[in-house]
C-alpha atoms as a PDB file:
ATOM      1  CA  MET A   1       0.000   0.000   0.000  1.00  0.00           C
ATOM      2  CA  ARG A   2       2.875   2.415   0.814  1.00  0.00           C
ATOM      3  CA  LEU A   3       4.492   1.883  -2.607  1.00  0.00           C
ATOM      4  CA  GLU A   4       1.162   2.285  -4.407  1.00  0.00           C
ATOM      5  CA  ARG A   5       0.540   5.564  -2.620  1.00  0.00           C
ATOM      6  CA  LEU A   6       4.048   6.790  -3.532  1.00  0.00           C
ATOM      7  CA  LEU A   7       3.506   5.859  -7.184  1.00  0.00           C
ATOM      8  CA  GLY A   8       0.166   7.565  -7.219  1.00  0.00           C
ATOM      9  CA  PHE A   9       1.578  10.652  -5.534  1.00  0.00           C
ATOM     10  CA  ALA A  10       4.490  10.892  -7.943  1.00  0.00           C
ATOM     11  CA  SER A  11       2.320  10.269 -10.995  1.00  0.00           C
ATOM     12  CA  GLY A  12      -0.178  12.848  -9.907  1.00  0.00           C
ATOM     13  CA  LEU A  13       2.461  15.524  -9.466  1.00  0.00           C
ATOM     14  CA  GLY A  14       4.470  14.537 -12.535  1.00  0.00           C
ATOM     15  CA  LEU A  15       7.719  15.119 -10.675  1.00  0.00           C
ATOM     16  CA  VAL A  16       9.545  11.817 -10.906  1.00  0.00           C
ATOM     17  CA  GLY A  17       9.649   8.729 -13.040  1.00  0.00           C
ATOM     18  CA  ILE A  18       9.175   5.167 -11.983  1.00  0.00           C
ATOM     19  CA  ALA A  19      12.911   4.683 -11.290  1.00  0.00           C
ATOM     20  CA  GLY A  20      13.080   7.760  -9.099  1.00  0.00           C
ATOM     21  CA  VAL A  21      10.003   6.708  -7.156  1.00  0.00           C
ATOM     22  CA  LEU A  22      11.443   3.249  -6.575  1.00  0.00           C
ATOM     23  CA  SER A  23      14.711   4.741  -5.331  1.00  0.00           C
ATOM     24  CA  PHE A  24      12.810   7.049  -3.024  1.00  0.00           C
ATOM     25  CA  ALA A  25      10.704   4.170  -1.787  1.00  0.00           C
ATOM     26  CA  ALA A  26      13.824   2.107  -1.022  1.00  0.00           C
ATOM     27  CA  LEU A  27      15.237   4.924   1.075  1.00  0.00           C
ATOM     28  CA  ALA A  28      11.915   5.404   2.815  1.00  0.00           C
ATOM     29  CA  SER A  29      11.852   1.763   3.782  1.00  0.00           C
ATOM     30  CA  GLN A  30      15.131   2.053   5.756  1.00  0.00           C
ATOM     31  CA  GLY A  31      15.086   2.830   9.448  1.00  0.00           C
ATOM     32  CA  CYS A  32      17.022   5.703  11.007  1.00  0.00           C
ATOM     33  CA  GLY A  33      19.751   3.434  12.299  1.00  0.00           C
ATOM     34  CA  ASP A  34      20.464   1.489   9.065  1.00  0.00           C
ATOM     35  CA  CYS A  35      23.206   3.800   7.699  1.00  0.00           C
ATOM     36  CA  ASP A  36      26.554   1.970   7.570  1.00  0.00           C
ATOM     37  CA  ALA A  37      28.483   4.135   5.129  1.00  0.00           C
ATOM     38  CA  VAL A  38      31.947   5.349   6.168  1.00  0.00           C
ATOM     39  CA  PRO A  39      33.340   8.674   4.883  1.00  0.00           C
ATOM     40  CA  LEU A  40      36.527   8.185   2.843  1.00  0.00           C
ATOM     41  CA  CYS A  41      38.982  10.470   1.114  1.00  0.00           C
ATOM     42  CA  ASN A  42      39.418  10.083  -2.653  1.00  0.00           C
ATOM     43  CA  ASP A  43      42.490   7.937  -3.376  1.00  0.00           C
ATOM     44  CA  THR A  44      42.395   8.754  -7.082  1.00  0.00           C
ATOM     45  CA  GLU A  45      42.866  12.422  -6.247  1.00  0.00           C
ATOM     46  CA  GLU A  46      45.662  11.563  -3.800  1.00  0.00           C
ATOM     47  CA  GLU A  47      43.927  12.977  -0.780  1.00  0.00           C
ATOM     48  CA  VAL A  48      44.834  12.348   2.848  1.00  0.00           C
ATOM     49  CA  GLU A  49      42.703  12.670   5.937  1.00  0.00           C
ATOM     50  CA  GLU A  50      43.337  15.697   8.143  1.00  0.00           C
ATOM     51  CA  GLU A  51      42.219  16.695  11.646  1.00  0.00           C
ATOM     52  CA  ALA A  52      40.710  19.947  10.326  1.00  0.00           C
ATOM     53  CA  CYS A  53      40.585  22.025   7.139  1.00  0.00           C
ATOM     54  CA  ASN A  54      41.248  25.432   8.715  1.00  0.00           C
ATOM     55  CA  GLN A  55      39.595  27.138   5.710  1.00  0.00           C
ATOM     56  CA  GLU A  56      42.256  25.834   3.284  1.00  0.00           C
ATOM     57  CA  ALA A  57      41.187  25.725  -0.352  1.00  0.00           C
ATOM     58  CA  SER A  58      42.840  22.343  -0.953  1.00  0.00           C
ATOM     59  CA  CYS A  59      40.834  20.755   1.860  1.00  0.00           C
ATOM     60  CA  ARG A  60      37.239  19.556   1.815  1.00  0.00           C
ATOM     61  CA  GLU A  61      34.718  17.938   4.152  1.00  0.00           C
ATOM     62  CA  VAL A  62      33.390  14.469   3.443  1.00  0.00           C
ATOM     63  CA  GLU A  63      30.224  13.328   5.250  1.00  0.00           C
ATOM     64  CA  ALA A  64      28.528   9.944   5.459  1.00  0.00           C
ATOM     65  CA  CYS A  65      25.874   8.794   7.901  1.00  0.00           C
ATOM     66  CA  GLY A  66      26.466  11.770  10.159  1.00  0.00           C
ATOM     67  CA  THR A  67      30.261  11.295  10.334  1.00  0.00           C
ATOM     68  CA  VAL A  68      32.483  14.050   8.902  1.00  0.00           C
ATOM     69  CA  ILE A  69      36.156  13.792   7.928  1.00  0.00           C
ATOM     70  CA  PHE A  70      38.460  16.331   6.303  1.00  0.00           C
ATOM     71  CA  CYS A  71      40.384  15.468   3.142  1.00  0.00           C
ATOM     72  CA  LYS A  72      43.341  17.443   1.828  1.00  0.00           C
ATOM     73  CA  GLU A  73      45.236  17.144  -1.431  1.00  0.00           C
ATOM     74  CA  THR A  74      48.583  15.468  -0.756  1.00  0.00           C
ATOM     75  CA  ALA A  75      50.460  17.836  -3.050  1.00  0.00           C
ATOM     76  CA  ASN A  76      49.508  20.763  -0.816  1.00  0.00           C
ATOM     77  CA  CYS A  77      50.186  18.998   2.495  1.00  0.00           C
ATOM     78  CA  LEU A  78      53.675  19.296   3.987  1.00  0.00           C
ATOM     79  CA  ALA A  79      53.024  19.287   7.725  1.00  0.00           C
ATOM     80  CA  ILE A  80      54.482  16.637  10.064  1.00  0.00           C
ATOM     81  CA  PRO A  81      52.461  15.450  13.074  1.00  0.00           C
ATOM     82  CA  VAL A  82      54.037  16.025  16.483  1.00  0.00           C
ATOM     83  CA  CYS A  83      52.985  15.285  20.047  1.00  0.00           C
ATOM     84  CA  ASN A  84      52.292  18.075  22.521  1.00  0.00           C
ATOM     85  CA  GLU A  85      54.885  19.100  25.117  1.00  0.00           C
ATOM     86  CA  ASP A  86      53.124  17.071  27.795  1.00  0.00           C
ATOM     87  CA  GLU A  87      52.961  13.985  25.551  1.00  0.00           C
ATOM     88  CA  LEU A  88      55.391  11.321  24.398  1.00  0.00           C
ATOM     89  CA  GLU A  89      55.351   9.617  20.995  1.00  0.00           C
ATOM     90  CA  VAL A  90      54.953   5.849  21.412  1.00  0.00           C
ATOM     91  CA  THR A  91      54.614   2.865  19.089  1.00  0.00           C
ATOM     92  CA  THR A  92      51.981   1.186  21.248  1.00  0.00           C
ATOM     93  CA  CYS A  93      49.759   2.732  23.893  1.00  0.00           C
ATOM     94  CA  PRO A  94      50.722   1.621  27.442  1.00  0.00           C
ATOM     95  CA  ALA A  95      48.123  -0.344  29.375  1.00  0.00           C
ATOM     96  CA  GLY A  96      45.688   1.803  31.313  1.00  0.00           C
ATOM     97  CA  VAL A  97      46.633   4.962  29.399  1.00  0.00           C
ATOM     98  CA  THR A  98      44.519   6.942  26.929  1.00  0.00           C
ATOM     99  CA  CYS A  99      46.544   7.859  23.837  1.00  0.00           C
ATOM    100  CA  GLU A 100      45.791  10.275  21.005  1.00  0.00           C
ATOM    101  CA  THR A 101      46.459   9.720  17.300  1.00  0.00           C
ATOM    102  CA  ARG A 102      47.821  12.762  15.461  1.00  0.00           C
ATOM    103  CA  THR A 103      47.469  12.727  11.660  1.00  0.00           C
ATOM    104  CA  LEU A 104      48.909  15.213   9.175  1.00  0.00           C
ATOM    105  CA  CYS A 105      49.524  14.785   5.462  1.00  0.00           C
ATOM    106  CA  GLY A 106      48.912  11.060   5.593  1.00  0.00           C
ATOM    107  CA  THR A 107      51.356  10.445   8.456  1.00  0.00           C
ATOM    108  CA  SER A 108      49.985   9.306  11.819  1.00  0.00           C
ATOM    109  CA  ILE A 109      51.712   9.092  15.186  1.00  0.00           C
ATOM    110  CA  LEU A 110      50.515   7.892  18.575  1.00  0.00           C
ATOM    111  CA  CYS A 111      50.892  10.231  21.550  1.00  0.00           C
ATOM    112  CA  ALA A 112      50.707   9.119  25.181  1.00  0.00           C
ATOM    113  CA  PRO A 113      50.568  11.495  28.163  1.00  0.00           C
ATOM    114  CA  LYS A 114      53.898  11.886  29.906  1.00  0.00           C
ATOM    115  CA  GLY A 115      54.292  10.165  33.244  1.00  0.00           C
ATOM    116  CA  PRO A 116      57.170   9.284  35.555  1.00  0.00           C
ATOM    117  CA  CYS A 117      60.152   7.797  33.705  1.00  0.00           C
ATOM    118  CA  LEU A 118      62.472   4.967  34.732  1.00  0.00           C
ATOM    119  CA  THR A 119      64.985   5.099  31.883  1.00  0.00           C
ATOM    120  CA  ALA A 120      65.727   7.240  28.838  1.00  0.00           C
ATOM    121  CA  ALA A 121      63.562   4.834  26.831  1.00  0.00           C
ATOM    122  CA  ASP A 122      60.526   6.414  28.519  1.00  0.00           C
ATOM    123  CA  CYS A 123      61.478   9.833  27.126  1.00  0.00           C
ATOM    124  CA  LYS A 124      61.874  11.468  23.725  1.00  0.00           C
ATOM    125  CA  ALA A 125      65.066  10.979  21.732  1.00  0.00           C
ATOM    126  CA  ASP A 126      66.402  14.394  22.791  1.00  0.00           C
ATOM    127  CA  GLU A 127      65.556  13.898  26.479  1.00  0.00           C
ATOM    128  CA  PHE A 128      66.862  11.891  29.423  1.00  0.00           C
ATOM    129  CA  CYS A 129      65.247  10.554  32.586  1.00  0.00           C
ATOM    130  CA  ASP A 130      66.280  12.907  35.387  1.00  0.00           C
ATOM    131  CA  PHE A 131      66.001  11.785  39.005  1.00  0.00           C
ATOM    132  CA  ARG A 132      66.103  15.084  40.854  1.00  0.00           C
ATOM    133  CA  ASP A 133      67.399  13.572  44.079  1.00  0.00           C
ATOM    134  CA  GLY A 134      70.134  11.605  42.307  1.00  0.00           C
ATOM    135  CA  GLN A 135      68.812   8.315  43.707  1.00  0.00           C
ATOM    136  CA  CYS A 136      68.381   6.668  40.274  1.00  0.00           C
ATOM    137  CA  GLY A 137      64.756   5.783  40.929  1.00  0.00           C
ATOM    138  CA  ALA A 138      65.092   4.610  44.529  1.00  0.00           C
ATOM    139  CA  GLY A 139      63.636   7.918  45.747  1.00  0.00           C
ATOM    140  CA  VAL A 140      61.525  10.383  43.766  1.00  0.00           C
ATOM    141  CA  ASP A 141      60.112   9.552  40.341  1.00  0.00           C
ATOM    142  CA  GLY A 142      62.126  10.433  37.277  1.00  0.00           C
ATOM    143  CA  GLU A 143      61.116  13.260  34.944  1.00  0.00           C
ATOM    144  CA  CYS A 144      61.964  13.601  31.249  1.00  0.00           C
ATOM    145  CA  LYS A 145      64.254  16.595  30.753  1.00  0.00           C
ATOM    146  CA  PRO A 146      66.003  17.963  27.623  1.00  0.00           C
ATOM    147  CA  ARG A 147      69.531  16.682  27.087  1.00  0.00           C
ATOM    148  CA  PRO A 148      72.215  19.400  27.307  1.00  0.00           C
ATOM    149  CA  MET A 149      73.448  20.660  23.945  1.00  0.00           C
ATOM    150  CA  VAL A 150      77.112  20.888  25.004  1.00  0.00           C
ATOM    151  CA  CYS A 151      79.338  19.194  27.563  1.00  0.00           C
ATOM    152  CA  THR A 152      82.924  19.781  28.679  1.00  0.00           C
ATOM    153  CA  ASP A 153      85.353  17.183  29.951  1.00  0.00           C
ATOM    154  CA  GLY A 154      85.787  16.731  33.674  1.00  0.00           C
ATOM    155  CA  PRO A 155      86.554  14.375  36.553  1.00  0.00           C
ATOM    156  CA  PRO A 156      85.346  10.755  36.590  1.00  0.00           C
ATOM    157  CA  VAL A 157      81.640  10.319  37.274  1.00  0.00           C
ATOM    158  CA  CYS A 158      79.253   7.418  37.824  1.00  0.00           C
ATOM    159  CA  PHE A 159      75.937   7.119  35.955  1.00  0.00           C
ATOM    160  CA  CYS A 160      72.809   5.324  37.091  1.00  0.00           C
ATOM    161  CA  ASP A 161      73.345   2.489  34.617  1.00  0.00           C
ATOM    162  CA  GLY A 162      76.741   1.681  36.177  1.00  0.00           C
ATOM    163  CA  THR A 163      78.781   3.437  33.486  1.00  0.00           C
ATOM    164  CA  LEU A 164      81.981   4.946  34.882  1.00  0.00           C
ATOM    165  CA  THR A 165      83.839   7.661  32.948  1.00  0.00           C
ATOM    166  CA  MET A 166      87.564   8.292  33.053  1.00  0.00           C
ATOM    167  CA  ASP A 167      89.325  11.528  33.969  1.00  0.00           C
ATOM    168  CA  GLY A 168      88.875  13.944  31.067  1.00  0.00           C
ATOM    169  CA  ASP A 169      85.811  12.207  29.571  1.00  0.00           C
ATOM    170  CA  PHE A 170      82.475  13.910  28.932  1.00  0.00           C
ATOM    171  CA  GLY A 171      80.474  13.251  32.070  1.00  0.00           C
ATOM    172  CA  CYS A 172      77.677  15.829  32.051  1.00  0.00           C
ATOM    173  CA  GLU A 173      74.282  14.884  33.436  1.00  0.00           C
ATOM    174  CA  GLY A 174      72.001  13.770  30.617  1.00  0.00           C
ATOM    175  CA  PHE A 175      74.508  14.427  27.807  1.00  0.00           C
ATOM    176  CA  THR A 176      74.544  10.778  26.755  1.00  0.00           C
ATOM    177  CA  GLY A 177      70.966  10.204  27.900  1.00  0.00           C
ATOM    178  CA  LYS A 178      72.023   9.048  31.376  1.00  0.00           C
ATOM    179  CA  ASP A 179      71.456  10.522  34.819  1.00  0.00           C
ATOM    180  CA  LEU A 180      74.209  10.799  37.425  1.00  0.00           C
ATOM    181  CA  ASP A 181      74.241   8.451  40.419  1.00  0.00           C
ATOM    182  CA  SER A 182      74.516  10.446  43.642  1.00  0.00           C
ATOM    183  CA  THR A 183      74.357   7.337  45.817  1.00  0.00           C
ATOM    184  CA  GLY A 184      77.881   6.333  44.807  1.00  0.00           C
ATOM    185  CA  THR A 185      76.845   2.676  44.601  1.00  0.00           C
ATOM    186  CA  ALA A 186      75.961   2.015  40.944  1.00  0.00           C
ATOM    187  CA  CYS A 187      79.538   1.712  39.649  1.00  0.00           C
ATOM    188  CA  THR A 188      82.413  -0.638  40.348  1.00  0.00           C
ATOM    189  CA  LEU A 189      85.323   1.638  41.267  1.00  0.00           C
ATOM    190  CA  PRO A 190      89.073   1.171  40.847  1.00  0.00           C
ATOM    191  CA  ALA A 191      90.870  -0.195  43.882  1.00  0.00           C
ATOM    192  CA  THR A 192      92.300   3.184  44.936  1.00  0.00           C
ATOM    193  CA  ALA A 193      89.149   5.269  44.244  1.00  0.00           C
ATOM    194  CA  PHE A 194      86.213   6.239  46.444  1.00  0.00           C
ATOM    195  CA  SER A 195      82.827   7.764  45.675  1.00  0.00           C
ATOM    196  CA  CYS A 196      81.843  11.330  46.459  1.00  0.00           C
ATOM    197  CA  GLY A 197      78.227  11.482  45.376  1.00  0.00           C
ATOM    198  CA  HIS A 198      78.321  11.033  41.594  1.00  0.00           C
ATOM    199  CA  LEU A 199      82.026  11.927  41.501  1.00  0.00           C
ATOM    200  CA  VAL A 200      84.842   9.399  41.757  1.00  0.00           C
ATOM    201  CA  CYS A 201      87.841  10.680  43.737  1.00  0.00           C
ATOM    202  CA  ASP A 202      91.123   9.111  42.667  1.00  0.00           C
ATOM    203  CA  TYR A 203      93.645  11.869  42.161  1.00  0.00           C
ATOM    204  CA  GLY A 204      96.134  10.625  44.793  1.00  0.00           C
ATOM    205  CA  SER A 205      96.473   9.688  48.439  1.00  0.00           C
ATOM    206  CA  ASP A 206      95.714  13.236  49.609  1.00  0.00           C
ATOM    207  CA  ASP A 207      92.158  13.405  48.186  1.00  0.00           C
ATOM    208  CA  TYR A 208      89.082  13.972  50.307  1.00  0.00           C
ATOM    209  CA  CYS A 209      85.390  14.308  49.500  1.00  0.00           C
ATOM    210  CA  LEU A 210      83.477  17.482  50.362  1.00  0.00           C
ATOM    211  CA  TYR A 211      79.788  16.558  50.480  1.00  0.00           C
ATOM    212  CA  THR A 212      76.972  19.072  51.081  1.00  0.00           C
ATOM    213  CA  ALA A 213      73.376  17.881  51.274  1.00  0.00           C
ATOM    214  CA  ASP A 214      70.568  19.734  49.475  1.00  0.00           C
ATOM    215  CA  ASP A 215      67.719  20.474  51.871  1.00  0.00           C
ATOM    216  CA  THR A 216      65.362  21.138  48.949  1.00  0.00           C
ATOM    217  CA  GLY A 217      65.420  17.479  47.948  1.00  0.00           C
ATOM    218  CA  GLY A 218      67.874  17.781  45.086  1.00  0.00           C
ATOM    219  CA  ALA A 219      71.140  15.940  44.517  1.00  0.00           C
ATOM    220  CA  PRO A 220      73.992  16.832  46.924  1.00  0.00           C
ATOM    221  CA  TYR A 221      76.765  19.278  46.064  1.00  0.00           C
ATOM    222  CA  VAL A 222      80.049  17.380  45.903  1.00  0.00           C
ATOM    223  CA  SER A 223      83.693  17.921  45.043  1.00  0.00           C
ATOM    224  CA  CYS A 224      86.915  15.917  45.132  1.00  0.00           C
ATOM    225  CA  SER A 225      89.219  18.277  46.993  1.00  0.00           C
ATOM    226  CA  ILE A 226      92.953  18.369  47.583  1.00  0.00           C
ATOM    227  CA  ALA A 227      94.088  18.180  51.186  1.00  0.00           C
ATOM    228  CA  PRO A 228      96.290  20.990  52.538  1.00  0.00           C
ATOM    229  CA  GLN A 229     100.059  20.686  52.493  1.00  0.00           C
ATOM    230  CA  GLY A 230     101.350  18.357  55.176  1.00  0.00           C
ATOM    231  CA  CYS A 231      98.140  16.315  55.262  1.00  0.00           C
ATOM    232  CA  ASP A 232      99.577  13.205  53.643  1.00  0.00           C
ATOM    233  CA  PRO A 233      97.956  10.778  53.675  1.00  0.00           C
ATOM    234  CA  ALA A 234      94.711  12.713  53.910  1.00  0.00           C
ATOM    235  CA  ALA A 235      92.844  12.080  57.164  1.00  0.00           C
ATOM    236  CA  CYS A 236      90.153  13.778  59.219  1.00  0.00           C
ATOM    237  CA  ALA A 237      92.768  14.598  61.858  1.00  0.00           C
ATOM    238  CA  CYS A 238      94.383  17.130  59.516  1.00  0.00           C
ATOM    239  CA  LEU A 239      91.153  18.426  58.008  1.00  0.00           C
ATOM    240  CA  THR A 240      89.739  20.058  61.128  1.00  0.00           C
ATOM    241  CA  ALA A 241      89.787  23.552  59.603  1.00  0.00           C
ATOM    242  CA  GLU A 242      87.901  22.383  56.508  1.00  0.00           C
ATOM    243  CA  THR A 243      85.390  20.501  58.635  1.00  0.00           C
ATOM    244  CA  GLU A 244      84.783  23.421  61.006  1.00  0.00           C
ATOM    245  CA  ALA A 245      84.435  25.852  58.080  1.00  0.00           C
ATOM    246  CA  CYS A 246      81.131  24.284  57.079  1.00  0.00           C
ATOM    247  CA  GLY A 247      80.076  23.090  60.528  1.00  0.00           C
ATOM    248  CA  GLY A 248      80.169  19.509  59.317  1.00  0.00           C
ATOM    249  CA  THR A 249      81.547  16.133  60.298  1.00  0.00           C
ATOM    250  CA  CYS A 250      84.409  14.093  58.904  1.00  0.00           C
ATOM    251  CA  VAL A 251      84.722  10.327  58.543  1.00  0.00           C
ATOM    252  CA  ASP A 252      87.844   8.495  57.375  1.00  0.00           C
ATOM    253  CA  GLY A 253      87.435   5.939  54.612  1.00  0.00           C
ATOM    254  CA  PRO A 254      89.734   3.249  53.229  1.00  0.00           C
ATOM    255  CA  ASN A 255      90.876   5.464  50.326  1.00  0.00           C
ATOM    256  CA  GLY A 256      90.159   8.940  51.656  1.00  0.00           C
ATOM    257  CA  PRO A 257      88.081  10.944  54.179  1.00  0.00           C
ATOM    258  CA  LYS A 258      84.641  12.458  53.582  1.00  0.00           C
ATOM    259  CA  ILE A 259      83.530  15.776  55.038  1.00  0.00           C
ATOM    260  CA  THR A 260      79.741  16.058  55.195  1.00  0.00           C
ATOM    261  CA  CYS A 261      78.389  19.593  55.483  1.00  0.00           C
ATOM    262  CA  PRO A 262      74.807  20.467  56.481  1.00  0.00           C
ATOM    263  CA  GLY A 263      72.513  21.452  53.657  1.00  0.00           C
ATOM    264  CA  GLY A 264      71.414  24.904  52.842  1.00  0.00           C
END
């Protein structure tokens, strides 16, 4: 009865032919929720899907079943997708995390929100995992920080991964993607050396470590210092002036003494 009424209506008005009425009738017979079409960009025109057109002439909207996508001509698309500053590009989304896909000019990347890091692998290629307290993850969580652009040579240092540099090597924090170990326990030291925070003191028998804690929760301030003339071998007994100068304490070690000063 519905089709007969449609045919009669169309015939009476003289607006459509039989084929048009049948097509209209087919559409009328579908329910509201029967639309399964998916909007697609035109491959033959070498288009790529974009996040938005931003009023660009080479970009157009494509709609199907209430879903809209934006298609841009590849020849006019040169942008590269990047993650936001508070995001990290990942190959797979970590469990329990909501990631965002960024697409530009046919290239898609996956961005995950930044969280605490454990190693440099949790950070971007130009960042390193910085443990502010120098505890290599045993204390506060790590935070991805930019790697320094330059580094000068210096005394031996110990990194969190157990890497030990030699005197004169590049040992700046984060320069090679590694954080410094302020616990003095991550590295195996030479027989005559001793740790002074992240530093390794081994300049001679008259070395001592000057160690000042950071009351703000950061890594300690340390230096391998040379004992005064006549203090050979170096010992707390001949470092009383240096110890009193900072109001600290001194403890003798097997390869050299350590003066610990209160933090500031």
